[in-house]
Amino acid sequence: MWKVITESDVLTQISGTELESLRGVVLADGQADPVQPSIDAITAKVRGFVAGNIHNELDADPAKIPDRLIDAAVSLIIVKIISRTTMEPNATRQKSAEGADSLLRDVSAAKFSITDPVSGNENSAVPLPTYSPARTRRFTGDTQRGI
């Protein structure tokens, strides 16, 4: 199933008080509300990683992402919002965002399955193998003569 990320999804990983505090800091600087632009940017990022695997289909609605990726997206959204302030994300949030990035790379490499937005079927395509060029021999009869 695919869905649109909402502010209530963000509130599953950050308290309402903390989010309002971050909003207050950003709005005090004269900037626009950071929540929806951050949701939009991370949604686009997630969709980019999903599209990076040729076996994945994107939902026709550009605001939807696979429901399995909502938590990862929210981790990235929170760090993005915090980065709009003068504060640094704490180690736990930073580690969570790094894990989210890793998960998105796995989606793109077909190491993490998502559901097809139309059929709802599991995408379990195996990634195509990669081949290294043939190894060249460093030591041959010609290079070893006289030793």
C-alpha atoms as a PDB file:
ATOM      1  CA  MET A   1       0.000   0.000   0.000  1.00  0.00           C
ATOM      2  CA  TRP A   2       1.226   3.502  -0.801  1.00  0.00           C
ATOM      3  CA  LYS A   3       0.300   6.607   1.146  1.00  0.00           C
ATOM      4  CA  VAL A   4       0.955  10.310   1.574  1.00  0.00           C
ATOM      5  CA  ILE A   5       3.147  11.331   4.516  1.00  0.00           C
ATOM      6  CA  THR A   6       1.242  13.577   6.909  1.00  0.00           C
ATOM      7  CA  GLU A   7       2.218  15.645   9.899  1.00  0.00           C
ATOM      8  CA  SER A   8       0.637  12.992  12.109  1.00  0.00           C
ATOM      9  CA  ASP A   9       3.191  10.514  10.692  1.00  0.00           C
ATOM     10  CA  VAL A  10       5.952  12.923  11.734  1.00  0.00           C
ATOM     11  CA  LEU A  11       4.450  13.068  15.214  1.00  0.00           C
ATOM     12  CA  THR A  12       5.054   9.331  15.624  1.00  0.00           C
ATOM     13  CA  GLN A  13       8.778  10.056  16.051  1.00  0.00           C
ATOM     14  CA  ILE A  14       8.805  13.546  17.548  1.00  0.00           C
ATOM     15  CA  SER A  15       6.593  15.085  20.210  1.00  0.00           C
ATOM     16  CA  GLY A  16       4.141  17.801  19.300  1.00  0.00           C
ATOM     17  CA  THR A  17       5.874  20.143  21.742  1.00  0.00           C
ATOM     18  CA  GLU A  18       9.275  19.536  20.155  1.00  0.00           C
ATOM     19  CA  LEU A  19       7.898  20.013  16.641  1.00  0.00           C
ATOM     20  CA  GLU A  20       6.221  23.275  17.640  1.00  0.00           C
ATOM     21  CA  SER A  21       9.470  24.406  19.249  1.00  0.00           C
ATOM     22  CA  LEU A  22      11.360  23.727  16.018  1.00  0.00           C
ATOM     23  CA  ARG A  23       8.658  25.527  14.068  1.00  0.00           C
ATOM     24  CA  GLY A  24       8.931  28.491  16.418  1.00  0.00           C
ATOM     25  CA  VAL A  25      12.688  28.743  15.891  1.00  0.00           C
ATOM     26  CA  VAL A  26      12.362  28.611  12.101  1.00  0.00           C
ATOM     27  CA  LEU A  27       9.414  30.993  11.970  1.00  0.00           C
ATOM     28  CA  ALA A  28      11.233  33.430  14.270  1.00  0.00           C
ATOM     29  CA  ASP A  29      13.958  33.638  11.636  1.00  0.00           C
ATOM     30  CA  GLY A  30      11.322  34.726   9.109  1.00  0.00           C
ATOM     31  CA  GLN A  31      11.381  31.476   7.150  1.00  0.00           C
ATOM     32  CA  ALA A  32       8.343  29.533   5.994  1.00  0.00           C
ATOM     33  CA  ASP A  33       6.896  26.648   8.006  1.00  0.00           C
ATOM     34  CA  PRO A  34       9.462  23.846   7.625  1.00  0.00           C
ATOM     35  CA  VAL A  35       7.170  20.825   7.933  1.00  0.00           C
ATOM     36  CA  GLN A  36       5.383  20.534   4.583  1.00  0.00           C
ATOM     37  CA  PRO A  37       8.383  21.552   2.437  1.00  0.00           C
ATOM     38  CA  SER A  38      10.473  18.943   4.298  1.00  0.00           C
ATOM     39  CA  ILE A  39       7.795  16.285   3.757  1.00  0.00           C
ATOM     40  CA  ASP A  40       7.687  17.160   0.044  1.00  0.00           C
ATOM     41  CA  ALA A  41      11.480  17.043  -0.347  1.00  0.00           C
ATOM     42  CA  ILE A  42      11.859  13.698   1.414  1.00  0.00           C
ATOM     43  CA  THR A  43       8.903  12.236  -0.495  1.00  0.00           C
ATOM     44  CA  ALA A  44      10.683  13.126  -3.746  1.00  0.00           C
ATOM     45  CA  LYS A  45      13.921  11.583  -2.427  1.00  0.00           C
ATOM     46  CA  VAL A  46      12.183   8.336  -1.446  1.00  0.00           C
ATOM     47  CA  ARG A  47      10.431   8.119  -4.820  1.00  0.00           C
ATOM     48  CA  GLY A  48      13.797   8.653  -6.512  1.00  0.00           C
ATOM     49  CA  PHE A  49      15.300   5.689  -4.680  1.00  0.00           C
ATOM     50  CA  VAL A  50      12.250   3.543  -5.481  1.00  0.00           C
ATOM     51  CA  ALA A  51      12.526   4.489  -9.153  1.00  0.00           C
ATOM     52  CA  GLY A  52      16.234   3.633  -9.049  1.00  0.00           C
ATOM     53  CA  ASN A  53      15.266  -0.038  -9.281  1.00  0.00           C
ATOM     54  CA  ILE A  54      13.879  -0.759 -12.752  1.00  0.00           C
ATOM     55  CA  HIS A  55      11.618  -3.463 -11.321  1.00  0.00           C
ATOM     56  CA  ASN A  56       9.724  -0.994  -9.118  1.00  0.00           C
ATOM     57  CA  GLU A  57       6.662   0.916 -10.230  1.00  0.00           C
ATOM     58  CA  LEU A  58       5.813   4.341  -8.843  1.00  0.00           C
ATOM     59  CA  ASP A  59       2.328   5.340  -7.759  1.00  0.00           C
ATOM     60  CA  ALA A  60       0.741   7.843 -10.149  1.00  0.00           C
ATOM     61  CA  ASP A  61       0.281  10.271  -7.245  1.00  0.00           C
ATOM     62  CA  PRO A  62       3.649  12.037  -6.787  1.00  0.00           C
ATOM     63  CA  ALA A  63       2.893  12.567  -3.083  1.00  0.00           C
ATOM     64  CA  LYS A  64       2.676   8.842  -2.259  1.00  0.00           C
ATOM     65  CA  ILE A  65       5.427   6.485  -1.135  1.00  0.00           C
ATOM     66  CA  PRO A  66       5.355   2.818  -0.066  1.00  0.00           C
ATOM     67  CA  ASP A  67       3.953   2.482   3.438  1.00  0.00           C
ATOM     68  CA  ARG A  68       6.979   0.390   4.445  1.00  0.00           C
ATOM     69  CA  LEU A  69       9.171   3.428   3.895  1.00  0.00           C
ATOM     70  CA  ILE A  70       7.130   5.915   5.945  1.00  0.00           C
ATOM     71  CA  ASP A  71       9.187   5.455   9.142  1.00  0.00           C
ATOM     72  CA  ALA A  72      12.452   5.874   7.241  1.00  0.00           C
ATOM     73  CA  ALA A  73      11.095   8.962   5.491  1.00  0.00           C
ATOM     74  CA  VAL A  74       9.957  10.479   8.794  1.00  0.00           C
ATOM     75  CA  SER A  75      13.451   9.983  10.259  1.00  0.00           C
ATOM     76  CA  LEU A  76      14.862  11.960   7.343  1.00  0.00           C
ATOM     77  CA  ILE A  77      12.145  14.617   7.634  1.00  0.00           C
ATOM     78  CA  ILE A  78      12.918  15.259  11.287  1.00  0.00           C
ATOM     79  CA  VAL A  79      16.637  15.676  10.615  1.00  0.00           C
ATOM     80  CA  LYS A  80      15.802  17.971   7.682  1.00  0.00           C
ATOM     81  CA  ILE A  81      13.585  20.141   9.900  1.00  0.00           C
ATOM     82  CA  ILE A  82      16.219  20.286  12.641  1.00  0.00           C
ATOM     83  CA  SER A  83      18.851  21.268  10.071  1.00  0.00           C
ATOM     84  CA  ARG A  84      16.793  24.360   9.244  1.00  0.00           C
ATOM     85  CA  THR A  85      17.576  25.618  12.748  1.00  0.00           C
ATOM     86  CA  THR A  86      20.920  26.304  14.377  1.00  0.00           C
ATOM     87  CA  MET A  87      20.635  23.042  16.332  1.00  0.00           C
ATOM     88  CA  GLU A  88      22.244  19.719  15.474  1.00  0.00           C
ATOM     89  CA  PRO A  89      20.258  16.471  15.505  1.00  0.00           C
ATOM     90  CA  ASN A  90      21.152  14.271  18.470  1.00  0.00           C
ATOM     91  CA  ALA A  91      23.089  11.049  17.908  1.00  0.00           C
ATOM     92  CA  THR A  92      19.956   8.890  18.005  1.00  0.00           C
ATOM     93  CA  ARG A  93      18.209  10.928  15.330  1.00  0.00           C
ATOM     94  CA  GLN A  94      21.354  11.088  13.212  1.00  0.00           C
ATOM     95  CA  LYS A  95      21.786   7.319  13.427  1.00  0.00           C
ATOM     96  CA  SER A  96      18.129   6.815  12.540  1.00  0.00           C
ATOM     97  CA  ALA A  97      18.533   9.032   9.459  1.00  0.00           C
ATOM     98  CA  GLU A  98      21.655   7.120   8.408  1.00  0.00           C
ATOM     99  CA  GLY A  99      19.700   3.866   8.743  1.00  0.00           C
ATOM    100  CA  ALA A 100      16.923   5.358   6.631  1.00  0.00           C
ATOM    101  CA  ASP A 101      19.399   6.308   3.900  1.00  0.00           C
ATOM    102  CA  SER A 102      20.803   2.783   3.989  1.00  0.00           C
ATOM    103  CA  LEU A 103      17.313   1.310   3.670  1.00  0.00           C
ATOM    104  CA  LEU A 104      16.581   3.526   0.659  1.00  0.00           C
ATOM    105  CA  ARG A 105      19.802   2.365  -1.005  1.00  0.00           C
ATOM    106  CA  ASP A 106      18.655  -1.214  -0.365  1.00  0.00           C
ATOM    107  CA  VAL A 107      15.306  -0.470  -2.025  1.00  0.00           C
ATOM    108  CA  SER A 108      17.106   0.885  -5.060  1.00  0.00           C
ATOM    109  CA  ALA A 109      19.393  -2.179  -5.183  1.00  0.00           C
ATOM    110  CA  ALA A 110      16.406  -4.583  -4.829  1.00  0.00           C
ATOM    111  CA  LYS A 111      17.603  -5.768  -1.422  1.00  0.00           C
ATOM    112  CA  PHE A 112      14.422  -4.529   0.282  1.00  0.00           C
ATOM    113  CA  SER A 113      11.033  -5.349  -1.184  1.00  0.00           C
ATOM    114  CA  ILE A 114       8.149  -2.937  -1.601  1.00  0.00           C
ATOM    115  CA  THR A 115       4.634  -3.461  -2.875  1.00  0.00           C
ATOM    116  CA  ASP A 116       3.466  -2.565  -6.360  1.00  0.00           C
ATOM    117  CA  PRO A 117       1.190   0.515  -6.123  1.00  0.00           C
ATOM    118  CA  VAL A 118      -1.381  -0.845  -8.562  1.00  0.00           C
ATOM    119  CA  SER A 119      -1.593  -4.578  -7.869  1.00  0.00           C
ATOM    120  CA  GLY A 120      -0.399  -4.519  -4.264  1.00  0.00           C
ATOM    121  CA  ASN A 121       1.818  -7.502  -5.061  1.00  0.00           C
ATOM    122  CA  GLU A 122       5.188  -7.902  -3.480  1.00  0.00           C
ATOM    123  CA  ASN A 123       8.110  -6.807  -5.614  1.00  0.00           C
ATOM    124  CA  SER A 124      10.624  -9.563  -5.106  1.00  0.00           C
ATOM    125  CA  ALA A 125      12.727  -9.067  -8.192  1.00  0.00           C
ATOM    126  CA  VAL A 126      16.263 -10.233  -7.758  1.00  0.00           C
ATOM    127  CA  PRO A 127      18.830  -7.637  -8.771  1.00  0.00           C
ATOM    128  CA  LEU A 128      20.713  -8.301 -11.948  1.00  0.00           C
ATOM    129  CA  PRO A 129      24.178  -9.680 -11.342  1.00  0.00           C
ATOM    130  CA  THR A 130      27.135  -7.413 -11.878  1.00  0.00           C
ATOM    131  CA  TYR A 131      30.232  -8.716 -13.539  1.00  0.00           C
ATOM    132  CA  SER A 132      33.756  -7.498 -13.104  1.00  0.00           C
ATOM    133  CA  PRO A 133      36.025  -7.401 -16.099  1.00  0.00           C
ATOM    134  CA  ALA A 134      38.329 -10.371 -16.453  1.00  0.00           C
ATOM    135  CA  ARG A 135      41.374 -10.181 -14.251  1.00  0.00           C
ATOM    136  CA  THR A 136      44.643  -9.608 -16.023  1.00  0.00           C
ATOM    137  CA  ARG A 137      47.629 -11.643 -15.061  1.00  0.00           C
ATOM    138  CA  ARG A 138      50.415  -9.609 -13.561  1.00  0.00           C
ATOM    139  CA  PHE A 139      52.963 -12.392 -13.709  1.00  0.00           C
ATOM    140  CA  THR A 140      53.484 -14.210 -16.969  1.00  0.00           C
ATOM    141  CA  GLY A 141      56.330 -16.195 -18.462  1.00  0.00           C
ATOM    142  CA  ASP A 142      57.549 -13.061 -20.239  1.00  0.00           C
ATOM    143  CA  THR A 143      57.589 -10.909 -17.123  1.00  0.00           C
ATOM    144  CA  GLN A 144      59.341 -13.585 -15.070  1.00  0.00           C
ATOM    145  CA  ARG A 145      62.245 -14.350 -17.451  1.00  0.00           C
ATOM    146  CA  GLY A 146      65.630 -13.875 -15.909  1.00  0.00           C
ATOM    147  CA  ILE A 147      64.481 -14.004 -12.313  1.00  0.00           C
END
